[in-house]
Structures are given as structure tokens and as C-alpha cells.
Amino acid sequence: MIEQIVTKRLFLRKMKLEDANNLFQIWSDPDVTKYMNIINLTDVKQAQEMITLLDELAKEQKAIRFSIIEKTSLKIIGSCGFNSFNKENNTAEIGYELAKAYWGKGFAQESITALIHYAFTTLNIKKIEAKVESANKNSIKVLEKLNFSYVGTSSEAETSDDTSLYALIQ
């Protein structure tokens, strides 16, 4: 799988252990993790463990996660990637989060647009899915701007809150 994707303002680079301190700052913010499928991290070692797990999943071609790096500052501002692949159905599930200081500036849309292009043109993915808590209105707006369609809502998700499923078909 590709190691880096470049957009107008961002580098999406496969996560490295060296990213742990920066990602810990993001993943320990309760406002950021509020709608994520993780608890707030309390120690940088947890970020290292998560990166190691994600690296193993990437080696097995089960998932891939990128650090989102703002080109001008070279600062890690979030992460995005494919949480899972279903090779039989040529589908993938995306996930993303940004540091709070970068919300509302189009970075989520820019990074997801790059992932969509990569999935459809390089990975031969036919459908991209996104699970989002129904209360996460900002994330839903990003998906809708990118022409994802609402599929339905489930109460039987990883969290106790309702989760909406969105999909984009090539």
C-alpha cells in the first residue's frame, strides 16, 4: 500500500511510531475522542500501542491509517484512513479525526477526498462506508458534502449511542 498521499495543503503519511507524541495530544482531547471508538488516551504509550496495532493491520492489508500533516507547518493535525477492507465486496470503511484547532477549516474534507480518490483509483474499492455517531453533526456535514448517502442508523454499534452509516459508491 501507498506510504503517502499529497493534497493541496496536506501530506497524508502512513503513521510512524515517531508520531506518537503528536497523536497522543489529539487522542487525549475529550472533545476529539467524544465521537471516536476509543477512550481518551492518558499516556503516550497508549498512542504508541495504537500505532503498532495499526501498523500490523496495514501489513496484513486489513486497514491503513495516515497521519494528517499540514504542509506549511509540517505539524500533525490528525489522522485518517481505512478502518477495514472487505476484499470480497471491494468495500472499505473510512475514519478520521482532527485536532480541535483545525476543525472547520476544510482539512477533513480535503483528506477524505484524497482517500476516496486513492480507494477508487488504486485500491479498486467500489464502495466506501463511514460510521458516524448520529450526534456528530460536523462529521455528517463533511460526508454529505462529499456525496456520501445516508444508509441507516443502528443502536447496536461499538458505542452506546446511535450510529449512522453513510456510503459512497463509485
N, C-alpha and C. Protein backbone atom coordinates (compact mmCIF):
# COMPACT_ATOMS: atom_id res chain seq x y z
N MET A 1 0.83 -1.19 0.00
CA MET A 1 0.00 0.00 0.00
C MET A 1 0.87 1.25 0.00
N ILE A 2 0.28 2.31 -0.44
CA ILE A 2 0.99 3.58 -0.58
C ILE A 2 1.42 4.11 0.80
N GLU A 3 2.53 4.79 0.83
CA GLU A 3 3.06 5.35 2.08
C GLU A 3 2.62 6.79 2.30
N GLN A 4 2.34 7.53 1.20
CA GLN A 4 1.99 8.95 1.34
C GLN A 4 1.07 9.39 0.22
N ILE A 5 0.13 10.27 0.57
CA ILE A 5 -0.76 10.91 -0.39
C ILE A 5 -0.59 12.41 -0.19
N VAL A 6 -0.50 13.16 -1.27
CA VAL A 6 -0.28 14.60 -1.19
C VAL A 6 -1.52 15.33 -1.71
N THR A 7 -1.97 16.34 -0.97
CA THR A 7 -3.06 17.20 -1.41
C THR A 7 -2.54 18.63 -1.47
N LYS A 8 -3.43 19.57 -1.73
CA LYS A 8 -3.02 20.97 -1.83
C LYS A 8 -2.37 21.47 -0.55
N ARG A 9 -2.96 21.14 0.60
CA ARG A 9 -2.46 21.67 1.88
C ARG A 9 -1.90 20.61 2.83
N LEU A 10 -2.00 19.33 2.43
CA LEU A 10 -1.70 18.25 3.37
C LEU A 10 -0.81 17.17 2.79
N PHE A 11 -0.10 16.52 3.69
CA PHE A 11 0.52 15.23 3.41
C PHE A 11 -0.24 14.21 4.25
N LEU A 12 -0.69 13.14 3.64
CA LEU A 12 -1.24 12.01 4.39
C LEU A 12 -0.16 10.94 4.34
N ARG A 13 0.51 10.73 5.48
CA ARG A 13 1.63 9.80 5.52
C ARG A 13 1.31 8.66 6.47
N LYS A 14 1.66 7.43 6.04
CA LYS A 14 1.44 6.27 6.89
C LYS A 14 2.02 6.58 8.27
N MET A 15 1.24 6.26 9.30
CA MET A 15 1.66 6.55 10.67
C MET A 15 2.98 5.87 11.00
N LYS A 16 3.75 6.57 11.83
CA LYS A 16 5.01 6.03 12.33
C LYS A 16 5.01 6.15 13.85
N LEU A 17 5.81 5.32 14.51
CA LEU A 17 5.92 5.40 15.97
C LEU A 17 6.34 6.79 16.42
N GLU A 18 7.15 7.46 15.61
CA GLU A 18 7.61 8.81 15.96
C GLU A 18 6.46 9.81 16.05
N ASP A 19 5.30 9.45 15.50
CA ASP A 19 4.13 10.33 15.54
C ASP A 19 3.39 10.26 16.87
N ALA A 20 3.78 9.34 17.74
CA ALA A 20 3.01 9.05 18.95
C ALA A 20 2.78 10.28 19.83
N ASN A 21 3.80 11.09 20.06
CA ASN A 21 3.61 12.26 20.94
C ASN A 21 2.58 13.21 20.38
N ASN A 22 2.66 13.49 19.08
CA ASN A 22 1.69 14.40 18.45
C ASN A 22 0.29 13.81 18.44
N LEU A 23 0.18 12.54 18.10
CA LEU A 23 -1.14 11.91 18.06
C LEU A 23 -1.72 11.76 19.46
N PHE A 24 -0.87 11.54 20.45
CA PHE A 24 -1.35 11.48 21.83
C PHE A 24 -2.04 12.78 22.22
N GLN A 25 -1.48 13.91 21.81
CA GLN A 25 -2.09 15.21 22.12
C GLN A 25 -3.51 15.29 21.55
N ILE A 26 -3.70 14.71 20.38
CA ILE A 26 -5.02 14.73 19.74
C ILE A 26 -5.94 13.71 20.39
N TRP A 27 -5.45 12.48 20.54
CA TRP A 27 -6.27 11.38 21.06
C TRP A 27 -6.55 11.46 22.55
N SER A 28 -5.92 12.40 23.24
CA SER A 28 -6.20 12.57 24.67
C SER A 28 -7.18 13.72 24.91
N ASP A 29 -7.59 14.40 23.87
CA ASP A 29 -8.53 15.52 23.97
C ASP A 29 -9.96 14.96 23.97
N PRO A 30 -10.70 15.13 25.06
CA PRO A 30 -12.05 14.57 25.12
C PRO A 30 -13.00 15.13 24.06
N ASP A 31 -12.76 16.35 23.60
CA ASP A 31 -13.60 16.89 22.53
C ASP A 31 -13.36 16.16 21.21
N VAL A 32 -12.13 15.72 20.98
CA VAL A 32 -11.80 14.98 19.76
C VAL A 32 -12.32 13.54 19.85
N THR A 33 -12.11 12.90 20.99
CA THR A 33 -12.47 11.48 21.12
C THR A 33 -13.94 11.25 21.46
N LYS A 34 -14.67 12.32 21.67
CA LYS A 34 -16.08 12.20 22.06
C LYS A 34 -16.86 11.26 21.14
N TYR A 35 -16.60 11.33 19.85
CA TYR A 35 -17.35 10.51 18.89
C TYR A 35 -16.50 9.39 18.29
N MET A 36 -15.34 9.16 18.86
CA MET A 36 -14.48 8.10 18.34
C MET A 36 -14.75 6.80 19.09
N ASN A 37 -14.29 5.72 18.51
CA ASN A 37 -14.46 4.40 19.10
C ASN A 37 -13.28 4.07 20.02
N ILE A 38 -12.76 5.09 20.72
CA ILE A 38 -11.69 4.88 21.70
C ILE A 38 -11.98 5.75 22.91
N ILE A 39 -11.37 5.38 24.03
CA ILE A 39 -11.44 6.24 25.21
C ILE A 39 -10.29 7.24 25.12
N ASN A 40 -10.41 8.34 25.85
CA ASN A 40 -9.31 9.31 25.87
C ASN A 40 -8.04 8.62 26.32
N LEU A 41 -6.97 8.85 25.58
CA LEU A 41 -5.69 8.29 25.99
C LEU A 41 -5.16 9.10 27.17
N THR A 42 -4.47 8.41 28.07
CA THR A 42 -3.93 9.08 29.25
C THR A 42 -2.41 9.00 29.31
N ASP A 43 -1.80 8.27 28.37
CA ASP A 43 -0.35 8.09 28.37
C ASP A 43 0.11 7.93 26.93
N VAL A 44 1.25 8.51 26.61
CA VAL A 44 1.78 8.43 25.25
C VAL A 44 2.03 6.98 24.83
N LYS A 45 2.28 6.12 25.80
CA LYS A 45 2.49 4.70 25.49
C LYS A 45 1.25 4.09 24.81
N GLN A 46 0.07 4.56 25.19
CA GLN A 46 -1.16 4.08 24.55
C GLN A 46 -1.18 4.46 23.07
N ALA A 47 -0.70 5.64 22.75
CA ALA A 47 -0.62 6.06 21.34
C ALA A 47 0.38 5.19 20.60
N GLN A 48 1.49 4.89 21.23
CA GLN A 48 2.48 4.00 20.61
C GLN A 48 1.88 2.62 20.33
N GLU A 49 1.13 2.10 21.30
CA GLU A 49 0.50 0.80 21.13
C GLU A 49 -0.52 0.82 19.99
N MET A 50 -1.28 1.92 19.90
CA MET A 50 -2.27 2.02 18.83
C MET A 50 -1.58 2.07 17.47
N ILE A 51 -0.51 2.83 17.37
CA ILE A 51 0.23 2.93 16.10
C ILE A 51 0.80 1.57 15.72
N THR A 52 1.33 0.84 16.70
CA THR A 52 1.87 -0.50 16.44
C THR A 52 0.78 -1.43 15.94
N LEU A 53 -0.39 -1.39 16.58
CA LEU A 53 -1.52 -2.22 16.14
C LEU A 53 -1.94 -1.85 14.71
N LEU A 54 -2.05 -0.56 14.44
CA LEU A 54 -2.44 -0.11 13.10
C LEU A 54 -1.40 -0.51 12.06
N ASP A 55 -0.13 -0.51 12.43
CA ASP A 55 0.93 -0.94 11.52
C ASP A 55 0.79 -2.43 11.20
N GLU A 56 0.47 -3.24 12.21
CA GLU A 56 0.26 -4.68 11.99
C GLU A 56 -0.92 -4.90 11.05
N LEU A 57 -2.01 -4.17 11.27
CA LEU A 57 -3.18 -4.30 10.40
C LEU A 57 -2.84 -3.89 8.97
N ALA A 58 -2.00 -2.88 8.81
CA ALA A 58 -1.58 -2.45 7.47
C ALA A 58 -0.75 -3.53 6.80
N LYS A 59 0.15 -4.15 7.54
CA LYS A 59 0.98 -5.22 6.97
C LYS A 59 0.12 -6.39 6.51
N GLU A 60 -0.98 -6.64 7.22
CA GLU A 60 -1.91 -7.71 6.86
C GLU A 60 -2.93 -7.26 5.82
N GLN A 61 -2.82 -6.02 5.38
CA GLN A 61 -3.74 -5.39 4.43
C GLN A 61 -5.19 -5.44 4.91
N LYS A 62 -5.36 -5.24 6.21
CA LYS A 62 -6.70 -5.21 6.81
C LYS A 62 -7.17 -3.78 7.08
N ALA A 63 -6.22 -2.85 7.16
CA ALA A 63 -6.52 -1.45 7.45
C ALA A 63 -5.27 -0.64 7.16
N ILE A 64 -5.44 0.67 7.07
CA ILE A 64 -4.27 1.56 6.97
C ILE A 64 -4.67 2.92 7.54
N ARG A 65 -3.76 3.51 8.28
CA ARG A 65 -4.03 4.81 8.89
C ARG A 65 -2.90 5.76 8.53
N PHE A 66 -3.27 6.99 8.22
CA PHE A 66 -2.31 8.02 7.84
C PHE A 66 -2.32 9.14 8.88
N SER A 67 -1.15 9.68 9.18
CA SER A 67 -1.07 10.92 9.93
C SER A 67 -1.36 12.05 8.94
N ILE A 68 -2.20 12.98 9.35
CA ILE A 68 -2.51 14.14 8.51
C ILE A 68 -1.53 15.24 8.91
N ILE A 69 -0.70 15.67 7.95
CA ILE A 69 0.34 16.65 8.22
C ILE A 69 0.06 17.91 7.40
N GLU A 70 -0.03 19.04 8.08
CA GLU A 70 -0.26 20.32 7.40
C GLU A 70 1.06 20.73 6.75
N LYS A 71 1.02 20.97 5.43
CA LYS A 71 2.24 21.21 4.65
C LYS A 71 3.06 22.40 5.13
N THR A 72 2.41 23.51 5.44
CA THR A 72 3.14 24.73 5.78
C THR A 72 3.93 24.58 7.07
N SER A 73 3.29 24.03 8.10
CA SER A 73 3.94 23.91 9.41
C SER A 73 4.61 22.56 9.63
N LEU A 74 4.27 21.57 8.80
CA LEU A 74 4.71 20.18 8.96
C LEU A 74 4.24 19.59 10.28
N LYS A 75 3.15 20.12 10.80
CA LYS A 75 2.58 19.66 12.07
C LYS A 75 1.53 18.59 11.81
N ILE A 76 1.53 17.55 12.64
CA ILE A 76 0.49 16.52 12.57
C ILE A 76 -0.78 17.12 13.16
N ILE A 77 -1.85 17.13 12.37
CA ILE A 77 -3.09 17.77 12.81
C ILE A 77 -4.22 16.76 12.98
N GLY A 78 -3.96 15.49 12.71
CA GLY A 78 -4.99 14.47 12.86
C GLY A 78 -4.56 13.18 12.21
N SER A 79 -5.54 12.31 12.02
CA SER A 79 -5.28 11.07 11.29
C SER A 79 -6.52 10.67 10.51
N CYS A 80 -6.30 9.86 9.50
CA CYS A 80 -7.40 9.36 8.69
C CYS A 80 -6.96 8.06 8.05
N GLY A 81 -7.92 7.34 7.54
CA GLY A 81 -7.54 6.11 6.85
C GLY A 81 -8.71 5.17 6.70
N PHE A 82 -8.35 3.95 6.40
CA PHE A 82 -9.34 2.90 6.21
C PHE A 82 -9.30 1.99 7.42
N ASN A 83 -10.41 1.95 8.16
CA ASN A 83 -10.50 1.14 9.37
C ASN A 83 -10.60 -0.34 9.05
N SER A 84 -11.11 -0.65 7.87
CA SER A 84 -11.23 -2.04 7.46
C SER A 84 -11.42 -2.11 5.95
N PHE A 85 -11.08 -3.27 5.41
CA PHE A 85 -11.31 -3.58 4.00
C PHE A 85 -12.09 -4.88 3.92
N ASN A 86 -13.04 -4.95 3.00
CA ASN A 86 -13.72 -6.20 2.69
C ASN A 86 -13.39 -6.51 1.24
N LYS A 87 -12.42 -7.39 1.05
CA LYS A 87 -11.93 -7.67 -0.30
C LYS A 87 -12.96 -8.39 -1.16
N GLU A 88 -13.81 -9.21 -0.54
CA GLU A 88 -14.83 -9.93 -1.30
C GLU A 88 -15.81 -8.97 -1.96
N ASN A 89 -16.18 -7.92 -1.23
CA ASN A 89 -17.16 -6.96 -1.73
C ASN A 89 -16.53 -5.68 -2.25
N ASN A 90 -15.20 -5.58 -2.21
CA ASN A 90 -14.49 -4.37 -2.63
C ASN A 90 -15.01 -3.13 -1.91
N THR A 91 -15.16 -3.25 -0.59
CA THR A 91 -15.60 -2.12 0.22
C THR A 91 -14.54 -1.78 1.27
N ALA A 92 -14.59 -0.55 1.74
CA ALA A 92 -13.69 -0.10 2.80
C ALA A 92 -14.47 0.84 3.71
N GLU A 93 -14.07 0.88 4.97
CA GLU A 93 -14.65 1.82 5.92
C GLU A 93 -13.61 2.87 6.26
N ILE A 94 -13.99 4.15 6.15
CA ILE A 94 -13.06 5.23 6.47
C ILE A 94 -13.29 5.73 7.89
N GLY A 95 -12.25 6.37 8.41
CA GLY A 95 -12.33 7.03 9.69
C GLY A 95 -11.38 8.22 9.68
N TYR A 96 -11.65 9.20 10.51
CA TYR A 96 -10.81 10.41 10.52
C TYR A 96 -11.08 11.20 11.79
N GLU A 97 -10.08 11.95 12.21
CA GLU A 97 -10.25 12.93 13.28
C GLU A 97 -9.17 13.99 13.15
N LEU A 98 -9.50 15.16 13.63
CA LEU A 98 -8.58 16.30 13.58
C LEU A 98 -8.43 16.92 14.97
N ALA A 99 -7.27 17.51 15.21
CA ALA A 99 -7.09 18.32 16.41
C ALA A 99 -8.10 19.46 16.37
N LYS A 100 -8.60 19.82 17.53
CA LYS A 100 -9.66 20.82 17.63
C LYS A 100 -9.31 22.14 16.94
N ALA A 101 -8.07 22.55 16.99
CA ALA A 101 -7.65 23.82 16.39
C ALA A 101 -7.83 23.84 14.88
N TYR A 102 -8.03 22.67 14.27
CA TYR A 102 -8.13 22.58 12.81
C TYR A 102 -9.54 22.25 12.33
N TRP A 103 -10.50 22.23 13.25
CA TRP A 103 -11.89 21.99 12.88
C TRP A 103 -12.42 23.17 12.07
N GLY A 104 -13.30 22.88 11.13
CA GLY A 104 -13.99 23.93 10.38
C GLY A 104 -13.15 24.64 9.34
N LYS A 105 -12.02 24.07 8.97
CA LYS A 105 -11.13 24.72 8.01
C LYS A 105 -10.98 23.93 6.71
N GLY A 106 -11.82 22.89 6.56
CA GLY A 106 -11.80 22.12 5.32
C GLY A 106 -10.76 21.01 5.27
N PHE A 107 -10.01 20.81 6.36
CA PHE A 107 -8.97 19.77 6.34
C PHE A 107 -9.56 18.36 6.31
N ALA A 108 -10.67 18.13 7.01
CA ALA A 108 -11.30 16.81 6.98
C ALA A 108 -11.77 16.49 5.57
N GLN A 109 -12.45 17.44 4.95
CA GLN A 109 -12.95 17.24 3.59
C GLN A 109 -11.79 16.99 2.62
N GLU A 110 -10.72 17.74 2.76
CA GLU A 110 -9.57 17.59 1.87
C GLU A 110 -8.91 16.21 2.03
N SER A 111 -8.75 15.77 3.27
CA SER A 111 -8.12 14.47 3.49
C SER A 111 -9.02 13.32 3.04
N ILE A 112 -10.31 13.42 3.29
CA ILE A 112 -11.24 12.35 2.88
C ILE A 112 -11.35 12.31 1.36
N THR A 113 -11.34 13.46 0.70
CA THR A 113 -11.35 13.49 -0.77
C THR A 113 -10.16 12.73 -1.32
N ALA A 114 -8.99 12.92 -0.71
CA ALA A 114 -7.79 12.20 -1.16
C ALA A 114 -7.93 10.70 -0.92
N LEU A 115 -8.50 10.31 0.22
CA LEU A 115 -8.71 8.88 0.49
C LEU A 115 -9.68 8.26 -0.51
N ILE A 116 -10.74 8.99 -0.83
CA ILE A 116 -11.72 8.49 -1.81
C ILE A 116 -11.03 8.24 -3.15
N HIS A 117 -10.27 9.21 -3.60
CA HIS A 117 -9.57 9.06 -4.88
C HIS A 117 -8.63 7.86 -4.85
N TYR A 118 -7.87 7.73 -3.78
CA TYR A 118 -6.94 6.60 -3.63
C TYR A 118 -7.69 5.27 -3.63
N ALA A 119 -8.80 5.20 -2.91
CA ALA A 119 -9.57 3.96 -2.82
C ALA A 119 -10.13 3.55 -4.17
N PHE A 120 -10.72 4.51 -4.88
CA PHE A 120 -11.37 4.18 -6.14
C PHE A 120 -10.38 3.94 -7.27
N THR A 121 -9.28 4.67 -7.30
CA THR A 121 -8.35 4.55 -8.44
C THR A 121 -7.24 3.54 -8.23
N THR A 122 -6.80 3.36 -6.99
CA THR A 122 -5.64 2.50 -6.74
C THR A 122 -6.02 1.17 -6.08
N LEU A 123 -6.94 1.22 -5.13
CA LEU A 123 -7.28 0.01 -4.38
C LEU A 123 -8.43 -0.79 -4.99
N ASN A 124 -9.02 -0.28 -6.07
CA ASN A 124 -10.15 -0.96 -6.72
C ASN A 124 -11.35 -1.13 -5.79
N ILE A 125 -11.52 -0.19 -4.87
CA ILE A 125 -12.67 -0.19 -3.97
C ILE A 125 -13.88 0.32 -4.74
N LYS A 126 -15.01 -0.31 -4.54
CA LYS A 126 -16.24 0.09 -5.22
C LYS A 126 -17.19 0.87 -4.31
N LYS A 127 -17.07 0.64 -3.00
CA LYS A 127 -17.95 1.34 -2.05
C LYS A 127 -17.16 1.68 -0.79
N ILE A 128 -17.30 2.93 -0.35
CA ILE A 128 -16.66 3.39 0.88
C ILE A 128 -17.77 3.68 1.89
N GLU A 129 -17.59 3.14 3.08
CA GLU A 129 -18.57 3.35 4.15
C GLU A 129 -17.95 4.18 5.26
N ALA A 130 -18.81 4.89 5.98
CA ALA A 130 -18.38 5.65 7.16
C ALA A 130 -19.44 5.48 8.23
N LYS A 131 -18.99 5.11 9.43
CA LYS A 131 -19.88 5.03 10.58
C LYS A 131 -19.65 6.28 11.41
N VAL A 132 -20.73 6.96 11.75
CA VAL A 132 -20.61 8.21 12.50
C VAL A 132 -21.74 8.28 13.52
N GLU A 133 -21.39 8.69 14.73
CA GLU A 133 -22.44 8.84 15.73
C GLU A 133 -23.42 9.90 15.24
N SER A 134 -24.70 9.61 15.41
CA SER A 134 -25.74 10.49 14.88
C SER A 134 -25.64 11.92 15.42
N ALA A 135 -25.09 12.09 16.61
CA ALA A 135 -24.96 13.42 17.20
C ALA A 135 -23.77 14.20 16.63
N ASN A 136 -22.91 13.55 15.87
CA ASN A 136 -21.71 14.20 15.34
C ASN A 136 -22.06 14.93 14.03
N LYS A 137 -22.75 16.04 14.18
CA LYS A 137 -23.29 16.78 13.03
C LYS A 137 -22.20 17.30 12.10
N ASN A 138 -21.06 17.72 12.64
CA ASN A 138 -19.99 18.24 11.78
C ASN A 138 -19.42 17.17 10.87
N SER A 139 -19.24 15.97 11.40
CA SER A 139 -18.73 14.87 10.57
C SER A 139 -19.76 14.48 9.51
N ILE A 140 -21.01 14.49 9.87
CA ILE A 140 -22.07 14.18 8.91
C ILE A 140 -22.07 15.20 7.78
N LYS A 141 -21.87 16.48 8.11
CA LYS A 141 -21.80 17.52 7.07
C LYS A 141 -20.66 17.26 6.10
N VAL A 142 -19.50 16.84 6.62
CA VAL A 142 -18.35 16.53 5.76
C VAL A 142 -18.73 15.42 4.78
N LEU A 143 -19.32 14.35 5.30
CA LEU A 143 -19.70 13.22 4.45
C LEU A 143 -20.72 13.63 3.39
N GLU A 144 -21.70 14.43 3.79
CA GLU A 144 -22.72 14.87 2.84
C GLU A 144 -22.13 15.76 1.76
N LYS A 145 -21.19 16.64 2.11
CA LYS A 145 -20.53 17.48 1.11
C LYS A 145 -19.79 16.63 0.08
N LEU A 146 -19.34 15.45 0.51
CA LEU A 146 -18.59 14.55 -0.38
C LEU A 146 -19.49 13.52 -1.06
N ASN A 147 -20.79 13.78 -1.01
CA ASN A 147 -21.79 12.96 -1.70
C ASN A 147 -21.98 11.56 -1.13
N PHE A 148 -21.65 11.37 0.14
CA PHE A 148 -21.99 10.12 0.80
C PHE A 148 -23.50 10.12 1.02
N SER A 149 -24.10 8.96 0.90
CA SER A 149 -25.54 8.81 1.11
C SER A 149 -25.80 8.16 2.46
N TYR A 150 -26.84 8.64 3.12
CA TYR A 150 -27.27 8.05 4.39
C TYR A 150 -27.87 6.68 4.10
N VAL A 151 -27.40 5.66 4.82
CA VAL A 151 -27.89 4.29 4.63
C VAL A 151 -28.88 3.92 5.72
N GLY A 152 -28.55 4.26 6.96
CA GLY A 152 -29.43 3.92 8.08
C GLY A 152 -28.73 4.15 9.40
N THR A 153 -29.48 3.92 10.49
CA THR A 153 -28.97 4.12 11.83
C THR A 153 -29.11 2.83 12.62
N SER A 154 -28.09 2.56 13.43
CA SER A 154 -28.07 1.35 14.24
C SER A 154 -27.81 1.72 15.69
N SER A 155 -28.47 1.03 16.60
CA SER A 155 -28.19 1.20 18.03
C SER A 155 -27.23 0.13 18.51
N GLU A 156 -26.88 -0.79 17.65
CA GLU A 156 -26.04 -1.93 18.04
C GLU A 156 -24.60 -1.73 17.60
N ALA A 157 -24.11 -0.53 17.76
CA ALA A 157 -22.74 -0.22 17.35
C ALA A 157 -21.78 -0.39 18.52
N GLU A 158 -20.52 -0.01 18.28
CA GLU A 158 -19.48 -0.16 19.29
C GLU A 158 -19.72 0.73 20.50
N THR A 159 -20.45 1.79 20.31
CA THR A 159 -20.71 2.73 21.41
C THR A 159 -22.15 2.59 21.84
N SER A 160 -22.49 3.28 22.90
CA SER A 160 -23.87 3.22 23.40
C SER A 160 -24.79 4.15 22.63
N ASP A 161 -24.23 5.02 21.81
CA ASP A 161 -25.04 5.98 21.06
C ASP A 161 -25.42 5.44 19.69
N ASP A 162 -26.47 6.02 19.11
CA ASP A 162 -26.87 5.62 17.76
C ASP A 162 -25.75 5.95 16.78
N THR A 163 -25.53 5.04 15.86
CA THR A 163 -24.51 5.23 14.83
C THR A 163 -25.18 5.21 13.47
N SER A 164 -24.90 6.23 12.68
CA SER A 164 -25.43 6.31 11.32
C SER A 164 -24.39 5.78 10.35
N LEU A 165 -24.87 5.09 9.34
CA LEU A 165 -23.99 4.56 8.30
C LEU A 165 -24.20 5.38 7.04
N TYR A 166 -23.08 5.83 6.47
CA TYR A 166 -23.08 6.55 5.21
C TYR A 166 -22.24 5.76 4.22
N ALA A 167 -22.57 5.88 2.93
CA ALA A 167 -21.82 5.14 1.91
C ALA A 167 -21.66 5.99 0.66
N LEU A 168 -20.56 5.73 -0.03
CA LEU A 168 -20.28 6.36 -1.31
C LEU A 168 -19.91 5.25 -2.28
N ILE A 169 -20.65 5.16 -3.38
CA ILE A 169 -20.41 4.12 -4.37
C ILE A 169 -19.75 4.75 -5.59
N GLN A 170 -18.74 4.06 -6.10
CA GLN A 170 -18.01 4.58 -7.27
C GLN A 170 -18.90 4.61 -8.49
